[in-house]
């Protein structure tokens, strides 16, 4: 069994900034806490859990066609 990936607010800010998304102060910490809780509970989809860019790919697949 491998340890769950721990998200940091800095990683969240960097990932979203790369996509041109700016967050309000303190928001990245709340997102990191939610992602960490979802990772621990096992409810985070594997493509998001494995790689920060996987989140962008998952969003792309969910867009209306």
PDB file of N, CA and C in Angstrom:
ATOM      1  N   UNK A   1       0.850  -1.184   0.000  1.00  0.00           N
ATOM      2  CA  UNK A   1       0.000   0.000   0.000  1.00  0.00           C
ATOM      3  C   UNK A   1       0.887   1.236   0.000  1.00  0.00           C
ATOM      4  N   UNK A   2       0.572   2.207  -0.838  1.00  0.00           N
ATOM      5  CA  UNK A   2       1.362   3.426  -0.890  1.00  0.00           C
ATOM      6  C   UNK A   2       0.689   4.523  -0.075  1.00  0.00           C
ATOM      7  N   UNK A   3       1.479   5.464   0.368  1.00  0.00           N
ATOM      8  CA  UNK A   3       0.942   6.590   1.133  1.00  0.00           C
ATOM      9  C   UNK A   3       0.146   7.509   0.211  1.00  0.00           C
ATOM     10  N   UNK A   4      -0.907   8.096   0.757  1.00  0.00           N
ATOM     11  CA  UNK A   4      -1.726   9.022  -0.017  1.00  0.00           C
ATOM     12  C   UNK A   4      -0.935  10.288  -0.314  1.00  0.00           C
ATOM     13  N   UNK A   5      -1.161  10.812  -1.495  1.00  0.00           N
ATOM     14  CA  UNK A   5      -0.501  12.060  -1.881  1.00  0.00           C
ATOM     15  C   UNK A   5      -1.086  13.203  -1.058  1.00  0.00           C
ATOM     16  N   UNK A   6      -0.227  14.050  -0.554  1.00  0.00           N
ATOM     17  CA  UNK A   6      -0.668  15.211   0.208  1.00  0.00           C
ATOM     18  C   UNK A   6      -0.562  16.456  -0.669  1.00  0.00           C
ATOM     19  N   UNK A   7      -1.675  17.132  -0.859  1.00  0.00           N
ATOM     20  CA  UNK A   7      -1.710  18.350  -1.652  1.00  0.00           C
ATOM     21  C   UNK A   7      -1.333  19.532  -0.767  1.00  0.00           C
ATOM     22  N   UNK A   8      -0.634  20.501  -1.338  1.00  0.00           N
ATOM     23  CA  UNK A   8      -0.310  21.730  -0.610  1.00  0.00           C
ATOM     24  C   UNK A   8      -0.992  22.898  -1.297  1.00  0.00           C
ATOM     25  N   UNK A   9      -1.175  23.978  -0.547  1.00  0.00           N
ATOM     26  CA  UNK A   9      -1.803  25.163  -1.137  1.00  0.00           C
ATOM     27  C   UNK A   9      -0.936  25.726  -2.262  1.00  0.00           C
ATOM     28  N   UNK A  10       0.385  25.607  -2.116  1.00  0.00           N
ATOM     29  CA  UNK A  10       1.293  26.092  -3.162  1.00  0.00           C
ATOM     30  C   UNK A  10       1.114  25.293  -4.452  1.00  0.00           C
ATOM     31  N   UNK A  11       0.946  23.974  -4.333  1.00  0.00           N
ATOM     32  CA  UNK A  11       0.740  23.137  -5.522  1.00  0.00           C
ATOM     33  C   UNK A  11      -0.576  23.490  -6.205  1.00  0.00           C
ATOM     34  N   UNK A  12      -1.609  23.734  -5.413  1.00  0.00           N
ATOM     35  CA  UNK A  12      -2.916  24.107  -5.963  1.00  0.00           C
ATOM     36  C   UNK A  12      -2.804  25.440  -6.697  1.00  0.00           C
ATOM     37  N   UNK A  13      -2.181  26.433  -6.063  1.00  0.00           N
ATOM     38  CA  UNK A  13      -2.032  27.751  -6.697  1.00  0.00           C
ATOM     39  C   UNK A  13      -1.243  27.642  -7.999  1.00  0.00           C
ATOM     40  N   UNK A  14      -0.160  26.864  -7.992  1.00  0.00           N
ATOM     41  CA  UNK A  14       0.666  26.706  -9.187  1.00  0.00           C
ATOM     42  C   UNK A  14      -0.106  26.024 -10.299  1.00  0.00           C
ATOM     43  N   UNK A  15      -0.828  24.950  -9.952  1.00  0.00           N
ATOM     44  CA  UNK A  15      -1.590  24.206 -10.943  1.00  0.00           C
ATOM     45  C   UNK A  15      -2.659  25.090 -11.591  1.00  0.00           C
ATOM     46  N   UNK A  16      -3.375  25.838 -10.780  1.00  0.00           N
ATOM     47  CA  UNK A  16      -4.435  26.682 -11.327  1.00  0.00           C
ATOM     48  C   UNK A  16      -3.873  27.903 -12.047  1.00  0.00           C
ATOM     49  N   UNK A  17      -2.770  28.462 -11.562  1.00  0.00           N
ATOM     50  CA  UNK A  17      -2.149  29.600 -12.238  1.00  0.00           C
ATOM     51  C   UNK A  17      -1.687  29.205 -13.634  1.00  0.00           C
ATOM     52  N   UNK A  18      -1.235  27.975 -13.796  1.00  0.00           N
ATOM     53  CA  UNK A  18      -0.803  27.490 -15.114  1.00  0.00           C
ATOM     54  C   UNK A  18      -1.967  27.456 -16.094  1.00  0.00           C
ATOM     55  N   UNK A  19      -3.188  27.415 -15.553  1.00  0.00           N
ATOM     56  CA  UNK A  19      -4.381  27.408 -16.394  1.00  0.00           C
ATOM     57  C   UNK A  19      -5.033  28.792 -16.454  1.00  0.00           C
ATOM     58  N   UNK A  20      -4.350  29.786 -15.888  1.00  0.00           N
ATOM     59  CA  UNK A  20      -4.864  31.154 -15.917  1.00  0.00           C
ATOM     60  C   UNK A  20      -5.941  31.433 -14.886  1.00  0.00           C
ATOM     61  N   UNK A  21      -5.999  30.629 -13.824  1.00  0.00           N
ATOM     62  CA  UNK A  21      -7.013  30.797 -12.790  1.00  0.00           C
ATOM     63  C   UNK A  21      -6.362  31.344 -11.531  1.00  0.00           C
ATOM     64  N   UNK A  22      -6.843  32.498 -11.061  1.00  0.00           N
ATOM     65  CA  UNK A  22      -6.333  33.099  -9.829  1.00  0.00           C
ATOM     66  C   UNK A  22      -7.332  32.837  -8.717  1.00  0.00           C
ATOM     67  N   UNK A  23      -6.823  32.589  -7.533  1.00  0.00           N
ATOM     68  CA  UNK A  23      -7.672  32.300  -6.381  1.00  0.00           C
ATOM     69  C   UNK A  23      -7.637  33.440  -5.374  1.00  0.00           C
ATOM     70  N   UNK A  24      -8.727  33.574  -4.644  1.00  0.00           N
ATOM     71  CA  UNK A  24      -8.782  34.536  -3.550  1.00  0.00           C
ATOM     72  C   UNK A  24      -7.846  34.071  -2.443  1.00  0.00           C
ATOM     73  N   UNK A  25      -7.340  34.998  -1.619  1.00  0.00           N
ATOM     74  CA  UNK A  25      -6.471  34.616  -0.510  1.00  0.00           C
ATOM     75  C   UNK A  25      -7.131  33.562   0.388  1.00  0.00           C
ATOM     76  N   UNK A  26      -6.376  32.534   0.730  1.00  0.00           N
ATOM     77  CA  UNK A  26      -6.871  31.482   1.604  1.00  0.00           C
ATOM     78  C   UNK A  26      -7.638  30.378   0.912  1.00  0.00           C
ATOM     79  N   UNK A  27      -8.012  30.593  -0.339  1.00  0.00           N
ATOM     80  CA  UNK A  27      -8.820  29.611  -1.058  1.00  0.00           C
ATOM     81  C   UNK A  27      -8.023  28.348  -1.390  1.00  0.00           C
ATOM     82  N   UNK A  28      -6.748  28.500  -1.746  1.00  0.00           N
ATOM     83  CA  UNK A  28      -5.923  27.339  -2.092  1.00  0.00           C
ATOM     84  C   UNK A  28      -5.794  26.389  -0.899  1.00  0.00           C
ATOM     85  N   UNK A  29      -5.694  26.939   0.298  1.00  0.00           N
ATOM     86  CA  UNK A  29      -5.592  26.106   1.501  1.00  0.00           C
ATOM     87  C   UNK A  29      -6.868  25.283   1.696  1.00  0.00           C
ATOM     88  N   UNK A  30      -8.026  25.902   1.462  1.00  0.00           N
ATOM     89  CA  UNK A  30      -9.296  25.184   1.599  1.00  0.00           C
ATOM     90  C   UNK A  30      -9.398  24.083   0.552  1.00  0.00           C
ATOM     91  N   UNK A  31      -8.969  24.359  -0.670  1.00  0.00           N
ATOM     92  CA  UNK A  31      -9.008  23.353  -1.732  1.00  0.00           C
ATOM     93  C   UNK A  31      -8.050  22.207  -1.402  1.00  0.00           C
ATOM     94  N   UNK A  32      -6.853  22.538  -0.933  1.00  0.00           N
ATOM     95  CA  UNK A  32      -5.878  21.504  -0.566  1.00  0.00           C
ATOM     96  C   UNK A  32      -6.437  20.609   0.540  1.00  0.00           C
ATOM     97  N   UNK A  33      -7.067  21.213   1.544  1.00  0.00           N
ATOM     98  CA  UNK A  33      -7.654  20.424   2.634  1.00  0.00           C
ATOM     99  C   UNK A  33      -8.739  19.483   2.111  1.00  0.00           C
ATOM    100  N   UNK A  34      -9.575  19.974   1.197  1.00  0.00           N
ATOM    101  CA  UNK A  34     -10.640  19.144   0.628  1.00  0.00           C
ATOM    102  C   UNK A  34     -10.061  18.007  -0.216  1.00  0.00           C
ATOM    103  N   UNK A  35      -9.044  18.304  -1.015  1.00  0.00           N
ATOM    104  CA  UNK A  35      -8.414  17.257  -1.825  1.00  0.00           C
ATOM    105  C   UNK A  35      -7.739  16.217  -0.950  1.00  0.00           C
ATOM    106  N   UNK A  36      -7.081  16.659   0.109  1.00  0.00           N
ATOM    107  CA  UNK A  36      -6.426  15.715   1.025  1.00  0.00           C
ATOM    108  C   UNK A  36      -7.463  14.822   1.703  1.00  0.00           C
ATOM    109  N   UNK A  37      -8.586  15.393   2.110  1.00  0.00           N
ATOM    110  CA  UNK A  37      -9.634  14.595   2.745  1.00  0.00           C
ATOM    111  C   UNK A  37     -10.228  13.594   1.758  1.00  0.00           C
ATOM    112  N   UNK A  38     -10.435  14.022   0.513  1.00  0.00           N
ATOM    113  CA  UNK A  38     -10.981  13.126  -0.511  1.00  0.00           C
ATOM    114  C   UNK A  38      -9.989  12.019  -0.856  1.00  0.00           C
ATOM    115  N   UNK A  39      -8.704  12.337  -0.872  1.00  0.00           N
ATOM    116  CA  UNK A  39      -7.684  11.336  -1.162  1.00  0.00           C
ATOM    117  C   UNK A  39      -7.657  10.281  -0.070  1.00  0.00           C
ATOM    118  N   UNK A  40      -7.709  10.708   1.180  1.00  0.00           N
ATOM    119  CA  UNK A  40      -7.679   9.775   2.315  1.00  0.00           C
ATOM    120  C   UNK A  40      -8.921   8.890   2.318  1.00  0.00           C
ATOM    121  N   UNK A  41     -10.069   9.469   1.999  1.00  0.00           N
ATOM    122  CA  UNK A  41     -11.320   8.699   2.027  1.00  0.00           C
ATOM    123  C   UNK A  41     -11.469   7.796   0.814  1.00  0.00           C
ATOM    124  N   UNK A  42     -10.643   8.019  -0.213  1.00  0.00           N
ATOM    125  CA  UNK A  42     -10.725   7.199  -1.413  1.00  0.00           C
ATOM    126  C   UNK A  42     -11.765   7.667  -2.414  1.00  0.00           C
ATOM    127  N   UNK A  43     -12.312   8.849  -2.227  1.00  0.00           N
ATOM    128  CA  UNK A  43     -13.358   9.336  -3.125  1.00  0.00           C
ATOM    129  C   UNK A  43     -12.833  10.204  -4.268  1.00  0.00           C
ATOM    130  N   UNK A  44     -11.523  10.433  -4.321  1.00  0.00           N
ATOM    131  CA  UNK A  44     -10.944  11.248  -5.390  1.00  0.00           C
ATOM    132  C   UNK A  44     -10.688  10.371  -6.609  1.00  0.00           C
ATOM    133  N   UNK A  45     -11.167  10.769  -7.798  1.00  0.00           N
ATOM    134  CA  UNK A  45     -10.928   9.959  -8.994  1.00  0.00           C
ATOM    135  C   UNK A  45      -9.433   9.738  -9.226  1.00  0.00           C
ATOM    136  N   UNK A  46      -9.030   8.561  -9.697  1.00  0.00           N
ATOM    137  CA  UNK A  46      -7.599   8.244  -9.874  1.00  0.00           C
ATOM    138  C   UNK A  46      -6.845   9.226 -10.762  1.00  0.00           C
ATOM    139  N   UNK A  47      -7.482   9.763 -11.797  1.00  0.00           N
ATOM    140  CA  UNK A  47      -6.759  10.678 -12.680  1.00  0.00           C
ATOM    141  C   UNK A  47      -6.414  11.992 -11.996  1.00  0.00           C
ATOM    142  N   UNK A  48      -7.181  12.395 -11.000  1.00  0.00           N
ATOM    143  CA  UNK A  48      -6.878  13.605 -10.250  1.00  0.00           C
ATOM    144  C   UNK A  48      -5.815  13.307  -9.198  1.00  0.00           C
ATOM    145  N   UNK A  49      -5.912  12.153  -8.568  1.00  0.00           N
ATOM    146  CA  UNK A  49      -5.002  11.777  -7.494  1.00  0.00           C
ATOM    147  C   UNK A  49      -3.577  11.544  -7.990  1.00  0.00           C
ATOM    148  N   UNK A  50      -3.414  11.043  -9.193  1.00  0.00           N
ATOM    149  CA  UNK A  50      -2.090  10.633  -9.658  1.00  0.00           C
ATOM    150  C   UNK A  50      -1.214  11.782 -10.142  1.00  0.00           C
ATOM    151  N   UNK A  51      -1.804  12.838 -10.659  1.00  0.00           N
ATOM    152  CA  UNK A  51      -1.023  13.902 -11.277  1.00  0.00           C
ATOM    153  C   UNK A  51      -1.838  15.198 -11.257  1.00  0.00           C
ATOM    154  N   UNK A  52      -1.253  16.313 -10.805  1.00  0.00           N
ATOM    155  CA  UNK A  52      -2.016  17.576 -10.790  1.00  0.00           C
ATOM    156  C   UNK A  52      -2.591  17.952 -12.151  1.00  0.00           C
ATOM    157  N   UNK A  53      -1.898  17.621 -13.227  1.00  0.00           N
ATOM    158  CA  UNK A  53      -2.437  17.950 -14.554  1.00  0.00           C
ATOM    159  C   UNK A  53      -3.617  17.052 -14.896  1.00  0.00           C
ATOM    160  N   UNK A  54      -3.779  15.950 -14.165  1.00  0.00           N
ATOM    161  CA  UNK A  54      -4.915  15.073 -14.390  1.00  0.00           C
ATOM    162  C   UNK A  54      -6.230  15.776 -14.119  1.00  0.00           C
ATOM    163  N   UNK A  55      -6.222  16.754 -13.232  1.00  0.00           N
ATOM    164  CA  UNK A  55      -7.435  17.515 -12.945  1.00  0.00           C
ATOM    165  C   UNK A  55      -7.905  18.244 -14.201  1.00  0.00           C
ATOM    166  N   UNK A  56      -6.975  18.874 -14.902  1.00  0.00           N
ATOM    167  CA  UNK A  56      -7.322  19.578 -16.140  1.00  0.00           C
ATOM    168  C   UNK A  56      -7.847  18.592 -17.182  1.00  0.00           C
ATOM    169  N   UNK A  57      -7.233  17.423 -17.270  1.00  0.00           N
ATOM    170  CA  UNK A  57      -7.693  16.406 -18.218  1.00  0.00           C
ATOM    171  C   UNK A  57      -9.084  15.913 -17.853  1.00  0.00           C
ATOM    172  N   UNK A  58      -9.343  15.717 -16.557  1.00  0.00           N
ATOM    173  CA  UNK A  58     -10.664  15.281 -16.120  1.00  0.00           C
ATOM    174  C   UNK A  58     -11.716  16.343 -16.443  1.00  0.00           C
ATOM    175  N   UNK A  59     -11.393  17.609 -16.245  1.00  0.00           N
ATOM    176  CA  UNK A  59     -12.321  18.689 -16.591  1.00  0.00           C
ATOM    177  C   UNK A  59     -12.597  18.716 -18.087  1.00  0.00           C
ATOM    178  N   UNK A  60     -11.576  18.519 -18.887  1.00  0.00           N
ATOM    179  CA  UNK A  60     -11.723  18.517 -20.336  1.00  0.00           C
ATOM    180  C   UNK A  60     -12.694  17.416 -20.784  1.00  0.00           C
ATOM    181  N   UNK A  61     -12.585  16.258 -20.170  1.00  0.00           N
ATOM    182  CA  UNK A  61     -13.471  15.133 -20.528  1.00  0.00           C
ATOM    183  C   UNK A  61     -14.902  15.398 -20.103  1.00  0.00           C
ATOM    184  N   UNK A  62     -15.110  16.239 -19.102  1.00  0.00           N
ATOM    185  CA  UNK A  62     -16.452  16.509 -18.595  1.00  0.00           C
ATOM    186  C   UNK A  62     -17.171  17.638 -19.342  1.00  0.00           C
ATOM    187  N   UNK A  63     -16.461  18.353 -20.194  1.00  0.00           N
ATOM    188  CA  UNK A  63     -17.077  19.474 -20.914  1.00  0.00           C
ATOM    189  C   UNK A  63     -18.151  18.954 -21.868  1.00  0.00           C
ATOM    190  N   UNK A  64     -19.183  19.756 -22.024  1.00  0.00           N
ATOM    191  CA  UNK A  64     -20.255  19.400 -22.966  1.00  0.00           C
ATOM    192  C   UNK A  64     -19.700  19.391 -24.384  1.00  0.00           C
ATOM    193  N   UNK A  65     -20.167  18.439 -25.146  1.00  0.00           N
ATOM    194  CA  UNK A  65     -19.675  18.324 -26.535  1.00  0.00           C
ATOM    195  C   UNK A  65     -20.659  18.899 -27.505  1.00  0.00           C
TER     196      UNK A  65
END
